[in-house]
Amino acid sequence: MQTTIEGSRYKSSPKVLLGFFKRSRDKWKQKCRETKAHLKLVKNQNRAVEKSRDSWRTRVKELESEVQHLQRELAEQKCCRP
């Protein structure tokens, strides 16, 4: 038995085809939902890593500045020593 659905020819009955297409659509939608959730997780992790990295960069710059200041003080004490 051949059935025509919108100009296409299928050998299976419409009931079987509807079930197949519904399952196919549901799998596709589930895959899309899972991918979307994973993408959101990755974006959040990326944002957290960038925030942490920026925090560490700021801390390093502060410490480098402090080291330079202490080195200048040490150099001044050495040159001014009697």
Protein backbone atom coordinates (compact mmCIF):
# COMPACT_ATOMS: atom_id res chain seq x y z
CA MET A 1 0.00 0.00 0.00
CA GLN A 2 1.38 3.40 -0.97
CA THR A 3 0.18 6.60 0.66
CA THR A 4 0.76 10.08 -0.65
CA ILE A 5 1.46 12.75 1.94
CA GLU A 6 1.90 16.21 0.45
CA GLY A 7 3.22 14.86 -2.84
CA SER A 8 5.75 12.39 -1.33
CA ARG A 9 5.34 8.63 -1.56
CA TYR A 10 5.76 6.49 1.54
CA LYS A 11 5.23 2.74 1.72
CA SER A 12 4.28 2.75 5.41
CA SER A 13 0.87 3.67 6.73
CA PRO A 14 0.27 7.25 7.96
CA LYS A 15 -0.14 5.96 11.54
CA VAL A 16 3.35 4.41 11.46
CA LEU A 17 4.82 7.46 9.74
CA LEU A 18 3.30 9.85 12.28
CA GLY A 19 4.80 7.86 15.15
CA PHE A 20 8.19 7.77 13.45
CA PHE A 21 8.19 11.50 12.68
CA LYS A 22 7.03 12.37 16.20
CA ARG A 23 9.81 10.29 17.79
CA SER A 24 12.32 11.81 15.40
CA ARG A 25 11.16 15.33 16.25
CA ASP A 26 11.20 14.61 19.99
CA LYS A 27 14.76 13.24 19.80
CA TRP A 28 15.87 16.31 17.87
CA LYS A 29 14.24 18.65 20.39
CA GLN A 30 15.80 16.77 23.34
CA LYS A 31 19.22 16.94 21.70
CA CYS A 32 18.73 20.66 21.15
CA ARG A 33 17.75 21.17 24.83
CA GLU A 34 20.78 19.22 26.04
CA THR A 35 23.12 21.14 23.77
CA LYS A 36 21.63 24.44 24.91
CA ALA A 37 22.08 23.49 28.58
CA HIS A 38 25.67 22.40 27.95
CA LEU A 39 26.40 25.65 26.11
CA LYS A 40 25.00 27.65 29.02
CA LEU A 41 27.19 25.70 31.44
CA VAL A 42 30.30 26.28 29.32
CA LYS A 43 29.55 30.00 28.99
CA ASN A 44 29.12 30.32 32.77
CA GLN A 45 32.37 28.46 33.40
CA ASN A 46 34.14 30.67 30.87
CA ARG A 47 32.80 33.80 32.57
CA ALA A 48 33.99 32.52 35.96
CA VAL A 49 37.45 31.70 34.60
CA GLU A 50 37.77 35.15 33.03
CA LYS A 51 36.70 36.81 36.27
CA SER A 52 39.24 34.75 38.23
CA ARG A 53 41.97 35.51 35.69
CA ASP A 54 41.27 39.24 35.88
CA SER A 55 41.39 39.06 39.65
CA TRP A 56 44.76 37.32 39.57
CA ARG A 57 46.13 39.80 37.04
CA THR A 58 45.14 42.68 39.31
CA ARG A 59 46.75 40.95 42.30
CA VAL A 60 49.97 40.32 40.37
CA LYS A 61 50.17 43.97 39.26
CA GLU A 62 49.70 45.13 42.86
CA LEU A 63 52.41 42.77 44.09
CA GLU A 64 54.81 43.79 41.31
CA SER A 65 54.26 47.41 42.26
CA GLU A 66 54.94 46.60 45.90
CA VAL A 67 58.13 44.71 44.97
CA GLN A 68 59.38 47.69 42.95
CA HIS A 69 58.62 50.05 45.82
CA LEU A 70 60.50 47.82 48.29
CA GLN A 71 63.44 47.48 45.91
CA ARG A 72 63.66 51.29 45.64
CA GLU A 73 63.58 51.59 49.42
CA LEU A 74 66.32 48.98 49.74
CA ALA A 75 68.44 50.73 47.11
CA GLU A 76 68.00 54.07 48.95
CA GLN A 77 69.03 52.51 52.25
CA LYS A 78 72.14 50.98 50.67
CA CYS A 79 73.26 54.21 49.02
CA CYS A 80 72.65 56.38 52.09
CA ARG A 81 74.37 54.05 54.56
CA PRO A 82 77.42 55.53 56.30
